[in-house]
Amino acid sequence: MFTEDGAVSFGNITQDRYCVPENMRNAVPRASGDGTWTFDTVPDERPGVRIEFATGHERPAHCALNAIWVGKRPYDQMYLRQDDGKGERYARDSTAH
């Protein structure tokens, strides 16, 4: 859930493999937690948001993920990009609190 003050809370989202310690990269875990978000434009992509959060590990201590707006107008979905070329779409749910 994204809030107006720049906070984000998420559960079971795809996590870039570079956001986990090297000895755990084969697992490519999913992430849950809290962080911050800001509007951002990924180079050569559509506008979207940048999500930053603590990983819970010493290295890397923080992770940043980029999501771009997709879907039919009014861009009702976000696509969480991954460096491995895969990703997931998330639909907006204005009823979630």
Protein backbone atom coordinates (compact mmCIF):
# COMPACT_ATOMS: atom_id res chain seq x y z
CA MET A 1 0.00 0.00 0.00
CA PHE A 2 1.32 3.42 -0.97
CA THR A 3 0.49 6.40 1.23
CA GLU A 4 0.60 10.10 0.42
CA ASP A 5 3.45 10.73 2.87
CA GLY A 6 5.85 8.52 0.88
CA ALA A 7 5.53 5.33 2.93
CA VAL A 8 4.94 1.94 1.35
CA SER A 9 3.99 -1.40 2.83
CA PHE A 10 4.22 -4.53 0.70
CA GLY A 11 3.99 -8.29 0.93
CA ASN A 12 5.29 -11.14 -1.18
CA ILE A 13 6.60 -9.03 -4.08
CA THR A 14 9.34 -10.05 -6.46
CA GLN A 15 12.75 -8.96 -5.29
CA ASP A 16 15.72 -8.21 -7.49
CA ARG A 17 18.41 -10.83 -6.91
CA TYR A 18 20.95 -8.07 -6.32
CA CYS A 19 18.99 -7.03 -3.22
CA VAL A 20 20.11 -10.09 -1.29
CA PRO A 21 23.53 -11.19 -0.06
CA GLU A 22 25.58 -12.96 -2.70
CA ASN A 23 25.46 -16.32 -0.88
CA MET A 24 21.63 -16.25 -1.04
CA ARG A 25 21.20 -15.19 -4.69
CA ASN A 26 20.22 -18.65 -5.93
CA ALA A 27 17.01 -18.48 -3.90
CA VAL A 28 15.88 -15.07 -5.27
CA PRO A 29 13.49 -14.55 -2.34
CA ARG A 30 10.33 -12.53 -2.34
CA ALA A 31 10.14 -9.47 -0.13
CA SER A 32 7.69 -8.21 2.48
CA GLY A 33 8.06 -5.15 4.64
CA ASP A 34 7.92 -1.39 4.79
CA GLY A 35 9.86 1.30 3.01
CA THR A 36 9.57 4.56 1.16
CA TRP A 37 8.52 5.48 -2.35
CA THR A 38 9.12 8.44 -4.64
CA PHE A 39 8.01 9.25 -8.18
CA ASP A 40 10.78 8.35 -10.61
CA THR A 41 11.33 7.68 -14.30
CA VAL A 42 13.43 4.69 -15.20
CA PRO A 43 15.74 5.50 -18.14
CA ASP A 44 14.18 4.40 -21.46
CA GLU A 45 10.92 3.49 -19.70
CA ARG A 46 7.66 5.07 -18.63
CA PRO A 47 7.26 7.11 -15.45
CA GLY A 48 6.76 5.15 -12.27
CA VAL A 49 8.00 4.91 -8.72
CA ARG A 50 11.18 3.97 -6.91
CA ILE A 51 10.68 1.78 -3.83
CA GLU A 52 13.44 1.66 -1.21
CA PHE A 53 13.59 -0.56 1.85
CA ALA A 54 15.98 -2.16 4.31
CA THR A 55 16.85 -5.76 3.39
CA GLY A 56 17.43 -7.06 6.90
CA HIS A 57 20.94 -8.17 5.90
CA GLU A 58 24.30 -6.50 6.47
CA ARG A 59 25.03 -6.40 2.73
CA PRO A 60 23.29 -4.97 0.92
CA ALA A 61 21.64 -3.06 3.72
CA HIS A 62 19.15 -1.32 1.43
CA CYS A 63 17.42 -2.18 -1.80
CA ALA A 64 15.79 -0.06 -4.48
CA LEU A 65 13.20 -1.42 -6.91
CA ASN A 66 11.65 0.39 -9.86
CA ALA A 67 8.04 0.01 -10.90
CA ILE A 68 6.53 1.59 -14.00
CA TRP A 69 2.90 2.48 -14.69
CA VAL A 70 1.27 0.12 -17.20
CA GLY A 71 -2.21 -1.05 -18.15
CA LYS A 72 -5.02 0.73 -19.86
CA ARG A 73 -5.64 4.33 -19.02
CA PRO A 74 -5.54 5.56 -16.30
CA TYR A 75 -2.56 3.20 -15.95
CA ASP A 76 -4.20 1.01 -13.37
CA GLN A 77 -1.26 -1.37 -12.94
CA MET A 78 2.37 -1.22 -11.92
CA TYR A 79 5.03 -3.42 -13.44
CA LEU A 80 7.82 -4.26 -11.02
CA ARG A 81 10.95 -4.44 -13.14
CA GLN A 82 13.68 -6.98 -12.59
CA ASP A 83 17.25 -7.03 -13.87
CA ASP A 84 16.79 -10.61 -15.06
CA GLY A 85 14.21 -9.45 -17.61
CA LYS A 86 11.27 -10.88 -15.70
CA GLY A 87 8.79 -9.01 -13.59
CA GLU A 88 5.27 -8.92 -12.24
CA ARG A 89 2.21 -6.73 -12.68
CA TYR A 90 0.31 -5.42 -9.69
CA ALA A 91 -3.20 -3.99 -10.02
CA ARG A 92 -4.27 -0.89 -8.14
CA ASP A 93 -6.83 -1.51 -5.41
CA SER A 94 -8.25 1.73 -4.10
CA THR A 95 -10.38 -0.13 -1.55
CA ALA A 96 -7.40 -1.56 0.40
CA HIS A 97 -6.65 0.21 3.66
